[in-house]
Amino acid sequence: MAEFGGNPFYSCRNCLNPLAFQDDLLSKSFKAVSGDAYMFQYAMNIVLGRREEKKLITGVYTIANIYCGKCGQELGWHYLRAHDPKQKYKEGNFIIEKLKMIKEQY
């Protein structure tokens, strides 16, 4: 297990692979297939899927699904491009479904 100096972080619920730091959490108000989801500025230990255009609640985006780099569990998606100028703030950020991660502190 990686050492994070007491900083809270989120891990894959399936294999406990660290995914994102609490400090990189931008919002807890997103929705995904499984329910609530969180937006992070950065994510680690993930694998990006192929780019695709997807219609979501707030518009059309170019996204890539994200998967746990250890167990392969699908976790959410990475916003690559927002077609609506009002949604540009999402570009480059990561959405991770709440049910697919747990919060830890070491």
PDB file of N, CA and C in Angstrom:
ATOM      1  N   MET A   1       0.846  -1.178   0.000  1.00  0.00           N
ATOM      2  CA  MET A   1       0.000   0.000   0.000  1.00  0.00           C
ATOM      3  C   MET A   1       0.890   1.239   0.000  1.00  0.00           C
ATOM      4  N   ALA A   2       0.548   2.203  -0.804  1.00  0.00           N
ATOM      5  CA  ALA A   2       1.304   3.448  -0.875  1.00  0.00           C
ATOM      6  C   ALA A   2       1.140   4.239   0.421  1.00  0.00           C
ATOM      7  N   GLU A   3       2.134   5.044   0.747  1.00  0.00           N
ATOM      8  CA  GLU A   3       2.100   5.880   1.952  1.00  0.00           C
ATOM      9  C   GLU A   3       1.691   7.292   1.549  1.00  0.00           C
ATOM     10  N   PHE A   4       0.643   7.825   2.174  1.00  0.00           N
ATOM     11  CA  PHE A   4       0.116   9.126   1.805  1.00  0.00           C
ATOM     12  C   PHE A   4       0.195  10.148   2.932  1.00  0.00           C
ATOM     13  N   GLY A   5       0.981   9.871   3.970  1.00  0.00           N
ATOM     14  CA  GLY A   5       1.234  10.842   5.016  1.00  0.00           C
ATOM     15  C   GLY A   5       0.004  11.344   5.751  1.00  0.00           C
ATOM     16  N   GLY A   6      -0.984  10.493   5.954  1.00  0.00           N
ATOM     17  CA  GLY A   6      -2.176  10.885   6.696  1.00  0.00           C
ATOM     18  C   GLY A   6      -3.218  11.630   5.895  1.00  0.00           C
ATOM     19  N   ASN A   7      -2.970  11.868   4.618  1.00  0.00           N
ATOM     20  CA  ASN A   7      -3.953  12.562   3.783  1.00  0.00           C
ATOM     21  C   ASN A   7      -5.053  11.602   3.338  1.00  0.00           C
ATOM     22  N   PRO A   8      -6.317  11.970   3.522  1.00  0.00           N
ATOM     23  CA  PRO A   8      -7.414  11.099   3.073  1.00  0.00           C
ATOM     24  C   PRO A   8      -7.368  10.913   1.552  1.00  0.00           C
ATOM     25  N   PHE A   9      -7.749   9.719   1.120  1.00  0.00           N
ATOM     26  CA  PHE A   9      -7.805   9.433  -0.306  1.00  0.00           C
ATOM     27  C   PHE A   9      -8.903   8.413  -0.567  1.00  0.00           C
ATOM     28  N   TYR A  10      -9.241   8.244  -1.829  1.00  0.00           N
ATOM     29  CA  TYR A  10     -10.271   7.308  -2.254  1.00  0.00           C
ATOM     30  C   TYR A  10      -9.614   6.158  -3.004  1.00  0.00           C
ATOM     31  N   SER A  11     -10.101   4.942  -2.736  1.00  0.00           N
ATOM     32  CA  SER A  11      -9.557   3.729  -3.352  1.00  0.00           C
ATOM     33  C   SER A  11     -10.660   2.942  -4.042  1.00  0.00           C
ATOM     34  N   CYS A  12     -10.255   2.084  -4.959  1.00  0.00           N
ATOM     35  CA  CYS A  12     -11.179   1.167  -5.620  1.00  0.00           C
ATOM     36  C   CYS A  12     -11.797   0.257  -4.558  1.00  0.00           C
ATOM     37  N   ARG A  13     -13.100   0.181  -4.542  1.00  0.00           N
ATOM     38  CA  ARG A  13     -13.805  -0.665  -3.573  1.00  0.00           C
ATOM     39  C   ARG A  13     -13.485  -2.144  -3.796  1.00  0.00           C
ATOM     40  N   ASN A  14     -13.185  -2.517  -5.018  1.00  0.00           N
ATOM     41  CA  ASN A  14     -12.944  -3.907  -5.362  1.00  0.00           C
ATOM     42  C   ASN A  14     -11.563  -4.407  -4.917  1.00  0.00           C
ATOM     43  N   CYS A  15     -10.503  -3.579  -5.099  1.00  0.00           N
ATOM     44  CA  CYS A  15      -9.146  -4.058  -4.840  1.00  0.00           C
ATOM     45  C   CYS A  15      -8.301  -3.131  -3.963  1.00  0.00           C
ATOM     46  N   LEU A  16      -8.870  -2.023  -3.513  1.00  0.00           N
ATOM     47  CA  LEU A  16      -8.200  -1.042  -2.647  1.00  0.00           C
ATOM     48  C   LEU A  16      -7.042  -0.303  -3.315  1.00  0.00           C
ATOM     49  N   ASN A  17      -7.011  -0.267  -4.622  1.00  0.00           N
ATOM     50  CA  ASN A  17      -6.024   0.502  -5.371  1.00  0.00           C
ATOM     51  C   ASN A  17      -6.317   1.992  -5.170  1.00  0.00           C
ATOM     52  N   PRO A  18      -5.348   2.812  -4.712  1.00  0.00           N
ATOM     53  CA  PRO A  18      -5.603   4.249  -4.536  1.00  0.00           C
ATOM     54  C   PRO A  18      -5.965   4.924  -5.863  1.00  0.00           C
ATOM     55  N   LEU A  19      -7.006   5.760  -5.844  1.00  0.00           N
ATOM     56  CA  LEU A  19      -7.499   6.395  -7.067  1.00  0.00           C
ATOM     57  C   LEU A  19      -7.379   7.912  -7.080  1.00  0.00           C
ATOM     58  N   ALA A  20      -7.655   8.564  -5.944  1.00  0.00           N
ATOM     59  CA  ALA A  20      -7.666  10.029  -5.920  1.00  0.00           C
ATOM     60  C   ALA A  20      -7.524  10.535  -4.488  1.00  0.00           C
ATOM     61  N   PHE A  21      -6.906  11.707  -4.352  1.00  0.00           N
ATOM     62  CA  PHE A  21      -6.760  12.336  -3.044  1.00  0.00           C
ATOM     63  C   PHE A  21      -7.982  13.188  -2.711  1.00  0.00           C
ATOM     64  N   GLN A  22      -8.316  13.246  -1.446  1.00  0.00           N
ATOM     65  CA  GLN A  22      -9.405  14.101  -0.957  1.00  0.00           C
ATOM     66  C   GLN A  22      -9.183  15.552  -1.415  1.00  0.00           C
ATOM     67  N   ASP A  23      -7.933  16.005  -1.408  1.00  0.00           N
ATOM     68  CA  ASP A  23      -7.623  17.383  -1.798  1.00  0.00           C
ATOM     69  C   ASP A  23      -7.965  17.677  -3.258  1.00  0.00           C
ATOM     70  N   ASP A  24      -8.089  16.654  -4.086  1.00  0.00           N
ATOM     71  CA  ASP A  24      -8.420  16.837  -5.499  1.00  0.00           C
ATOM     72  C   ASP A  24      -9.914  16.709  -5.782  1.00  0.00           C
ATOM     73  N   LEU A  25     -10.721  16.530  -4.739  1.00  0.00           N
ATOM     74  CA  LEU A  25     -12.175  16.431  -4.885  1.00  0.00           C
ATOM     75  C   LEU A  25     -12.750  17.814  -5.193  1.00  0.00           C
ATOM     76  N   LEU A  26     -13.444  17.928  -6.321  1.00  0.00           N
ATOM     77  CA  LEU A  26     -14.036  19.195  -6.736  1.00  0.00           C
ATOM     78  C   LEU A  26     -15.527  19.280  -6.432  1.00  0.00           C
ATOM     79  N   SER A  27     -16.236  18.148  -6.525  1.00  0.00           N
ATOM     80  CA  SER A  27     -17.682  18.167  -6.335  1.00  0.00           C
ATOM     81  C   SER A  27     -18.207  16.766  -6.010  1.00  0.00           C
ATOM     82  N   LYS A  28     -19.232  16.740  -5.162  1.00  0.00           N
ATOM     83  CA  LYS A  28     -19.924  15.490  -4.838  1.00  0.00           C
ATOM     84  C   LYS A  28     -21.321  15.468  -5.455  1.00  0.00           C
ATOM     85  N   SER A  29     -21.602  16.350  -6.374  1.00  0.00           N
ATOM     86  CA  SER A  29     -22.972  16.512  -6.890  1.00  0.00           C
ATOM     87  C   SER A  29     -23.159  16.002  -8.313  1.00  0.00           C
ATOM     88  N   PHE A  30     -22.469  14.935  -8.683  1.00  0.00           N
ATOM     89  CA  PHE A  30     -22.633  14.363 -10.011  1.00  0.00           C
ATOM     90  C   PHE A  30     -23.415  13.058  -9.937  1.00  0.00           C
ATOM     91  N   LYS A  31     -24.003  12.673 -11.053  1.00  0.00           N
ATOM     92  CA  LYS A  31     -24.781  11.437 -11.148  1.00  0.00           C
ATOM     93  C   LYS A  31     -24.165  10.531 -12.203  1.00  0.00           C
ATOM     94  N   ALA A  32     -24.226   9.240 -11.931  1.00  0.00           N
ATOM     95  CA  ALA A  32     -23.733   8.226 -12.860  1.00  0.00           C
ATOM     96  C   ALA A  32     -24.752   7.093 -12.889  1.00  0.00           C
ATOM     97  N   VAL A  33     -24.460   6.063 -13.637  1.00  0.00           N
ATOM     98  CA  VAL A  33     -25.372   4.925 -13.782  1.00  0.00           C
ATOM     99  C   VAL A  33     -25.731   4.321 -12.427  1.00  0.00           C
ATOM    100  N   SER A  34     -24.734   4.188 -11.542  1.00  0.00           N
ATOM    101  CA  SER A  34     -24.976   3.546 -10.245  1.00  0.00           C
ATOM    102  C   SER A  34     -25.500   4.509  -9.181  1.00  0.00           C
ATOM    103  N   GLY A  35     -25.621   5.783  -9.526  1.00  0.00           N
ATOM    104  CA  GLY A  35     -26.099   6.769  -8.555  1.00  0.00           C
ATOM    105  C   GLY A  35     -25.145   7.940  -8.436  1.00  0.00           C
ATOM    106  N   ASP A  36     -24.841   8.337  -7.192  1.00  0.00           N
ATOM    107  CA  ASP A  36     -23.982   9.494  -6.956  1.00  0.00           C
ATOM    108  C   ASP A  36     -22.563   9.248  -7.458  1.00  0.00           C
ATOM    109  N   ALA A  37     -21.924  10.357  -7.856  1.00  0.00           N
ATOM    110  CA  ALA A  37     -20.552  10.303  -8.343  1.00  0.00           C
ATOM    111  C   ALA A  37     -19.837  11.581  -7.932  1.00  0.00           C
ATOM    112  N   TYR A  38     -18.517  11.496  -7.840  1.00  0.00           N
ATOM    113  CA  TYR A  38     -17.694  12.629  -7.431  1.00  0.00           C
ATOM    114  C   TYR A  38     -16.807  13.071  -8.585  1.00  0.00           C
ATOM    115  N   MET A  39     -16.558  14.385  -8.664  1.00  0.00           N
ATOM    116  CA  MET A  39     -15.640  14.926  -9.660  1.00  0.00           C
ATOM    117  C   MET A  39     -14.301  15.244  -8.988  1.00  0.00           C
ATOM    118  N   PHE A  40     -13.226  14.736  -9.584  1.00  0.00           N
ATOM    119  CA  PHE A  40     -11.872  14.978  -9.093  1.00  0.00           C
ATOM    120  C   PHE A  40     -11.058  15.708 -10.151  1.00  0.00           C
ATOM    121  N   GLN A  41     -10.143  16.540  -9.680  1.00  0.00           N
ATOM    122  CA  GLN A  41      -9.239  17.246 -10.581  1.00  0.00           C
ATOM    123  C   GLN A  41      -8.200  16.290 -11.159  1.00  0.00           C
ATOM    124  N   TYR A  42      -7.747  15.337 -10.352  1.00  0.00           N
ATOM    125  CA  TYR A  42      -6.762  14.345 -10.784  1.00  0.00           C
ATOM    126  C   TYR A  42      -7.206  12.962 -10.329  1.00  0.00           C
ATOM    127  N   ALA A  43      -6.778  11.955 -11.055  1.00  0.00           N
ATOM    128  CA  ALA A  43      -6.986  10.557 -10.656  1.00  0.00           C
ATOM    129  C   ALA A  43      -5.698   9.807 -10.962  1.00  0.00           C
ATOM    130  N   MET A  44      -5.442   8.753 -10.190  1.00  0.00           N
ATOM    131  CA  MET A  44      -4.206   7.986 -10.369  1.00  0.00           C
ATOM    132  C   MET A  44      -4.531   6.497 -10.457  1.00  0.00           C
ATOM    133  N   ASN A  45      -3.572   5.752 -10.951  1.00  0.00           N
ATOM    134  CA  ASN A  45      -3.702   4.288 -11.031  1.00  0.00           C
ATOM    135  C   ASN A  45      -4.930   3.855 -11.822  1.00  0.00           C
ATOM    136  N   ILE A  46      -5.201   4.580 -12.886  1.00  0.00           N
ATOM    137  CA  ILE A  46      -6.351   4.270 -13.742  1.00  0.00           C
ATOM    138  C   ILE A  46      -5.878   4.002 -15.167  1.00  0.00           C
ATOM    139  N   VAL A  47      -6.764   3.412 -15.940  1.00  0.00           N
ATOM    140  CA  VAL A  47      -6.540   3.175 -17.366  1.00  0.00           C
ATOM    141  C   VAL A  47      -7.685   3.865 -18.101  1.00  0.00           C
ATOM    142  N   LEU A  48      -7.340   4.601 -19.151  1.00  0.00           N
ATOM    143  CA  LEU A  48      -8.363   5.264 -19.969  1.00  0.00           C
ATOM    144  C   LEU A  48      -8.838   4.342 -21.075  1.00  0.00           C
ATOM    145  N   GLY A  49     -10.146   4.341 -21.289  1.00  0.00           N
ATOM    146  CA  GLY A  49     -10.730   3.616 -22.414  1.00  0.00           C
ATOM    147  C   GLY A  49     -10.669   4.468 -23.672  1.00  0.00           C
ATOM    148  N   ARG A  50     -11.369   4.020 -24.690  1.00  0.00           N
ATOM    149  CA  ARG A  50     -11.352   4.759 -25.958  1.00  0.00           C
ATOM    150  C   ARG A  50     -12.193   6.035 -25.858  1.00  0.00           C
ATOM    151  N   ARG A  51     -11.849   6.995 -26.682  1.00  0.00           N
ATOM    152  CA  ARG A  51     -12.604   8.249 -26.754  1.00  0.00           C
ATOM    153  C   ARG A  51     -13.957   7.981 -27.392  1.00  0.00           C
ATOM    154  N   GLU A  52     -14.982   8.649 -26.881  1.00  0.00           N
ATOM    155  CA  GLU A  52     -16.300   8.526 -27.490  1.00  0.00           C
ATOM    156  C   GLU A  52     -17.117   9.778 -27.217  1.00  0.00           C
ATOM    157  N   GLU A  53     -18.054  10.036 -28.103  1.00  0.00           N
ATOM    158  CA  GLU A  53     -19.011  11.128 -27.909  1.00  0.00           C
ATOM    159  C   GLU A  53     -20.176  10.550 -27.121  1.00  0.00           C
ATOM    160  N   LYS A  54     -20.577  11.244 -26.060  1.00  0.00           N
ATOM    161  CA  LYS A  54     -21.641  10.715 -25.225  1.00  0.00           C
ATOM    162  C   LYS A  54     -22.588  11.830 -24.811  1.00  0.00           C
ATOM    163  N   LYS A  55     -23.892  11.549 -24.913  1.00  0.00           N
ATOM    164  CA  LYS A  55     -24.926  12.482 -24.454  1.00  0.00           C
ATOM    165  C   LYS A  55     -25.170  12.204 -22.978  1.00  0.00           C
ATOM    166  N   LEU A  56     -24.880  13.187 -22.150  1.00  0.00           N
ATOM    167  CA  LEU A  56     -25.104  13.092 -20.715  1.00  0.00           C
ATOM    168  C   LEU A  56     -26.200  14.074 -20.320  1.00  0.00           C
ATOM    169  N   ILE A  57     -26.524  14.144 -19.054  1.00  0.00           N
ATOM    170  CA  ILE A  57     -27.618  14.986 -18.568  1.00  0.00           C
ATOM    171  C   ILE A  57     -27.456  16.442 -19.006  1.00  0.00           C
ATOM    172  N   THR A  58     -26.233  16.958 -18.959  1.00  0.00           N
ATOM    173  CA  THR A  58     -26.007  18.382 -19.238  1.00  0.00           C
ATOM    174  C   THR A  58     -25.497  18.680 -20.638  1.00  0.00           C
ATOM    175  N   GLY A  59     -25.492  17.692 -21.523  1.00  0.00           N
ATOM    176  CA  GLY A  59     -25.071  17.952 -22.894  1.00  0.00           C
ATOM    177  C   GLY A  59     -24.247  16.831 -23.486  1.00  0.00           C
ATOM    178  N   VAL A  60     -23.611  17.152 -24.623  1.00  0.00           N
ATOM    179  CA  VAL A  60     -22.788  16.186 -25.342  1.00  0.00           C
ATOM    180  C   VAL A  60     -21.318  16.455 -25.000  1.00  0.00           C
ATOM    181  N   TYR A  61     -20.582  15.376 -24.739  1.00  0.00           N
ATOM    182  CA  TYR A  61     -19.183  15.474 -24.342  1.00  0.00           C
ATOM    183  C   TYR A  61     -18.363  14.436 -25.083  1.00  0.00           C
ATOM    184  N   THR A  62     -17.081  14.713 -25.216  1.00  0.00           N
ATOM    185  CA  THR A  62     -16.119  13.691 -25.608  1.00  0.00           C
ATOM    186  C   THR A  62     -15.528  13.191 -24.298  1.00  0.00           C
ATOM    187  N   ILE A  63     -15.681  11.905 -24.040  1.00  0.00           N
ATOM    188  CA  ILE A  63     -15.222  11.307 -22.788  1.00  0.00           C
ATOM    189  C   ILE A  63     -14.390  10.060 -23.074  1.00  0.00           C
ATOM    190  N   ALA A  64     -13.751   9.566 -22.045  1.00  0.00           N
ATOM    191  CA  ALA A  64     -13.115   8.248 -22.075  1.00  0.00           C
ATOM    192  C   ALA A  64     -13.478   7.586 -20.758  1.00  0.00           C
ATOM    193  N   ASN A  65     -14.014   6.389 -20.818  1.00  0.00           N
ATOM    194  CA  ASN A  65     -14.296   5.660 -19.580  1.00  0.00           C
ATOM    195  C   ASN A  65     -12.983   5.422 -18.853  1.00  0.00           C
ATOM    196  N   ILE A  66     -13.052   5.349 -17.518  1.00  0.00           N
ATOM    197  CA  ILE A  66     -11.847   5.061 -16.739  1.00  0.00           C
ATOM    198  C   ILE A  66     -12.036   3.750 -15.980  1.00  0.00           C
ATOM    199  N   TYR A  67     -10.930   3.021 -15.853  1.00  0.00           N
ATOM    200  CA  TYR A  67     -10.921   1.703 -15.232  1.00  0.00           C
ATOM    201  C   TYR A  67      -9.800   1.656 -14.199  1.00  0.00           C
ATOM    202  N   CYS A  68      -9.997   0.867 -13.162  1.00  0.00           N
ATOM    203  CA  CYS A  68      -8.955   0.651 -12.161  1.00  0.00           C
ATOM    204  C   CYS A  68      -7.752   0.004 -12.840  1.00  0.00           C
ATOM    205  N   GLY A  69      -6.571   0.547 -12.599  1.00  0.00           N
ATOM    206  CA  GLY A  69      -5.354   0.022 -13.193  1.00  0.00           C
ATOM    207  C   GLY A  69      -4.927  -1.322 -12.619  1.00  0.00           C
ATOM    208  N   LYS A  70      -5.514  -1.723 -11.502  1.00  0.00           N
ATOM    209  CA  LYS A  70      -5.148  -2.991 -10.868  1.00  0.00           C
ATOM    210  C   LYS A  70      -6.134  -4.113 -11.198  1.00  0.00           C
ATOM    211  N   CYS A  71      -7.442  -3.870 -10.979  1.00  0.00           N
ATOM    212  CA  CYS A  71      -8.430  -4.947 -11.165  1.00  0.00           C
ATOM    213  C   CYS A  71      -9.289  -4.793 -12.420  1.00  0.00           C
ATOM    214  N   GLY A  72      -9.245  -3.629 -13.078  1.00  0.00           N
ATOM    215  CA  GLY A  72     -10.001  -3.430 -14.314  1.00  0.00           C
ATOM    216  C   GLY A  72     -11.443  -2.992 -14.125  1.00  0.00           C
ATOM    217  N   GLN A  73     -11.883  -2.786 -12.892  1.00  0.00           N
ATOM    218  CA  GLN A  73     -13.255  -2.346 -12.610  1.00  0.00           C
ATOM    219  C   GLN A  73     -13.523  -1.007 -13.305  1.00  0.00           C
ATOM    220  N   GLU A  74     -14.634  -0.892 -14.030  1.00  0.00           N
ATOM    221  CA  GLU A  74     -15.018   0.393 -14.596  1.00  0.00           C
ATOM    222  C   GLU A  74     -15.426   1.317 -13.452  1.00  0.00           C
ATOM    223  N   LEU A  75     -14.865   2.519 -13.432  1.00  0.00           N
ATOM    224  CA  LEU A  75     -15.054   3.442 -12.312  1.00  0.00           C
ATOM    225  C   LEU A  75     -15.891   4.661 -12.650  1.00  0.00           C
ATOM    226  N   GLY A  76     -15.834   5.111 -13.884  1.00  0.00           N
ATOM    227  CA  GLY A  76     -16.515   6.351 -14.282  1.00  0.00           C
ATOM    228  C   GLY A  76     -15.979   6.816 -15.615  1.00  0.00           C
ATOM    229  N   TRP A  77     -15.695   8.126 -15.734  1.00  0.00           N
ATOM    230  CA  TRP A  77     -15.201   8.656 -16.996  1.00  0.00           C
ATOM    231  C   TRP A  77     -14.336   9.892 -16.782  1.00  0.00           C
ATOM    232  N   HIS A  78     -13.614  10.227 -17.852  1.00  0.00           N
ATOM    233  CA  HIS A  78     -12.747  11.404 -17.904  1.00  0.00           C
ATOM    234  C   HIS A  78     -13.327  12.330 -18.966  1.00  0.00           C
ATOM    235  N   TYR A  79     -13.601  13.570 -18.588  1.00  0.00           N
ATOM    236  CA  TYR A  79     -14.099  14.557 -19.552  1.00  0.00           C
ATOM    237  C   TYR A  79     -12.939  15.057 -20.404  1.00  0.00           C
ATOM    238  N   LEU A  80     -13.001  14.809 -21.691  1.00  0.00           N
ATOM    239  CA  LEU A  80     -11.977  15.285 -22.611  1.00  0.00           C
ATOM    240  C   LEU A  80     -12.380  16.592 -23.265  1.00  0.00           C
ATOM    241  N   ARG A  81     -13.681  16.719 -23.610  1.00  0.00           N
ATOM    242  CA  ARG A  81     -14.157  17.933 -24.285  1.00  0.00           C
ATOM    243  C   ARG A  81     -15.632  18.134 -23.988  1.00  0.00           C
ATOM    244  N   ALA A  82     -15.978  19.371 -23.685  1.00  0.00           N
ATOM    245  CA  ALA A  82     -17.381  19.754 -23.517  1.00  0.00           C
ATOM    246  C   ALA A  82     -17.779  20.572 -24.742  1.00  0.00           C
ATOM    247  N   HIS A  83     -18.896  20.230 -25.361  1.00  0.00           N
ATOM    248  CA  HIS A  83     -19.322  20.938 -26.556  1.00  0.00           C
ATOM    249  C   HIS A  83     -20.029  22.250 -26.217  1.00  0.00           C
ATOM    250  N   ASP A  84     -20.599  22.344 -25.044  1.00  0.00           N
ATOM    251  CA  ASP A  84     -21.273  23.555 -24.571  1.00  0.00           C
ATOM    252  C   ASP A  84     -20.257  24.427 -23.832  1.00  0.00           C
ATOM    253  N   PRO A  85     -20.072  25.668 -24.242  1.00  0.00           N
ATOM    254  CA  PRO A  85     -19.103  26.547 -23.564  1.00  0.00           C
ATOM    255  C   PRO A  85     -19.355  26.690 -22.059  1.00  0.00           C
ATOM    256  N   LYS A  86     -20.594  26.570 -21.620  1.00  0.00           N
ATOM    257  CA  LYS A  86     -20.911  26.692 -20.196  1.00  0.00           C
ATOM    258  C   LYS A  86     -20.433  25.481 -19.396  1.00  0.00           C
ATOM    259  N   GLN A  87     -20.090  24.392 -20.065  1.00  0.00           N
ATOM    260  CA  GLN A  87     -19.659  23.159 -19.398  1.00  0.00           C
ATOM    261  C   GLN A  87     -18.148  22.914 -19.518  1.00  0.00           C
ATOM    262  N   LYS A  88     -17.411  23.882 -20.054  1.00  0.00           N
ATOM    263  CA  LYS A  88     -15.967  23.738 -20.272  1.00  0.00           C
ATOM    264  C   LYS A  88     -15.192  23.461 -18.984  1.00  0.00           C
ATOM    265  N   TYR A  89     -15.727  23.888 -17.841  1.00  0.00           N
ATOM    266  CA  TYR A  89     -15.035  23.684 -16.558  1.00  0.00           C
ATOM    267  C   TYR A  89     -14.843  22.187 -16.241  1.00  0.00           C
ATOM    268  N   LYS A  90     -15.603  21.331 -16.903  1.00  0.00           N
ATOM    269  CA  LYS A  90     -15.491  19.884 -16.660  1.00  0.00           C
ATOM    270  C   LYS A  90     -14.317  19.253 -17.398  1.00  0.00           C
ATOM    271  N   GLU A  91     -13.839  19.925 -18.434  1.00  0.00           N
ATOM    272  CA  GLU A  91     -12.770  19.358 -19.256  1.00  0.00           C
ATOM    273  C   GLU A  91     -11.537  19.037 -18.421  1.00  0.00           C
ATOM    274  N   GLY A  92     -11.008  17.836 -18.616  1.00  0.00           N
ATOM    275  CA  GLY A  92      -9.812  17.399 -17.918  1.00  0.00           C
ATOM    276  C   GLY A  92     -10.072  16.771 -16.560  1.00  0.00           C
ATOM    277  N   ASN A  93     -11.307  16.831 -16.090  1.00  0.00           N
ATOM    278  CA  ASN A  93     -11.637  16.278 -14.774  1.00  0.00           C
ATOM    279  C   ASN A  93     -12.160  14.847 -14.887  1.00  0.00           C
ATOM    280  N   PHE A  94     -12.185  14.169 -13.748  1.00  0.00           N
ATOM    281  CA  PHE A  94     -12.543  12.755 -13.668  1.00  0.00           C
ATOM    282  C   PHE A  94     -13.788  12.570 -12.812  1.00  0.00           C
ATOM    283  N   ILE A  95     -14.715  11.749 -13.288  1.00  0.00           N
ATOM    284  CA  ILE A  95     -15.897  11.382 -12.525  1.00  0.00           C
ATOM    285  C   ILE A  95     -15.716   9.929 -12.072  1.00  0.00           C
ATOM    286  N   ILE A  96     -15.823   9.724 -10.745  1.00  0.00           N
ATOM    287  CA  ILE A  96     -15.732   8.375 -10.193  1.00  0.00           C
ATOM    288  C   ILE A  96     -17.007   8.094  -9.418  1.00  0.00           C
ATOM    289  N   GLU A  97     -17.638   6.972  -9.736  1.00  0.00           N
ATOM    290  CA  GLU A  97     -18.896   6.608  -9.085  1.00  0.00           C
ATOM    291  C   GLU A  97     -18.661   6.280  -7.610  1.00  0.00           C
ATOM    292  N   LYS A  98     -19.497   6.838  -6.763  1.00  0.00           N
ATOM    293  CA  LYS A  98     -19.352   6.677  -5.311  1.00  0.00           C
ATOM    294  C   LYS A  98     -19.387   5.209  -4.889  1.00  0.00           C
ATOM    295  N   LEU A  99     -20.261   4.420  -5.477  1.00  0.00           N
ATOM    296  CA  LEU A  99     -20.382   3.012  -5.097  1.00  0.00           C
ATOM    297  C   LEU A  99     -19.172   2.167  -5.483  1.00  0.00           C
ATOM    298  N   LYS A 100     -18.281   2.725  -6.297  1.00  0.00           N
ATOM    299  CA  LYS A 100     -17.124   1.954  -6.762  1.00  0.00           C
ATOM    300  C   LYS A 100     -15.830   2.353  -6.056  1.00  0.00           C
ATOM    301  N   MET A 101     -15.947   3.184  -5.005  1.00  0.00           N
ATOM    302  CA  MET A 101     -14.753   3.586  -4.261  1.00  0.00           C
ATOM    303  C   MET A 101     -15.051   3.686  -2.778  1.00  0.00           C
ATOM    304  N   ILE A 102     -13.997   3.679  -1.995  1.00  0.00           N
ATOM    305  CA  ILE A 102     -14.111   3.883  -0.553  1.00  0.00           C
ATOM    306  C   ILE A 102     -13.099   4.932  -0.139  1.00  0.00           C
ATOM    307  N   LYS A 103     -13.427   5.643   0.950  1.00  0.00           N
ATOM    308  CA  LYS A 103     -12.522   6.664   1.474  1.00  0.00           C
ATOM    309  C   LYS A 103     -11.624   6.028   2.527  1.00  0.00           C
ATOM    310  N   GLU A 104     -10.317   6.332   2.430  1.00  0.00           N
ATOM    311  CA  GLU A 104      -9.343   5.779   3.356  1.00  0.00           C
ATOM    312  C   GLU A 104      -8.435   6.893   3.875  1.00  0.00           C
ATOM    313  N   GLN A 105      -7.707   6.573   4.937  1.00  0.00           N
ATOM    314  CA  GLN A 105      -6.700   7.503   5.451  1.00  0.00           C
ATOM    315  C   GLN A 105      -5.568   6.695   6.057  1.00  0.00           C
ATOM    316  N   TYR A 106      -4.335   6.987   5.621  1.00  0.00           N
ATOM    317  CA  TYR A 106      -3.154   6.305   6.146  1.00  0.00           C
ATOM    318  C   TYR A 106      -2.151   7.321   6.625  1.00  0.00           C
TER     319      TYR A 106
END
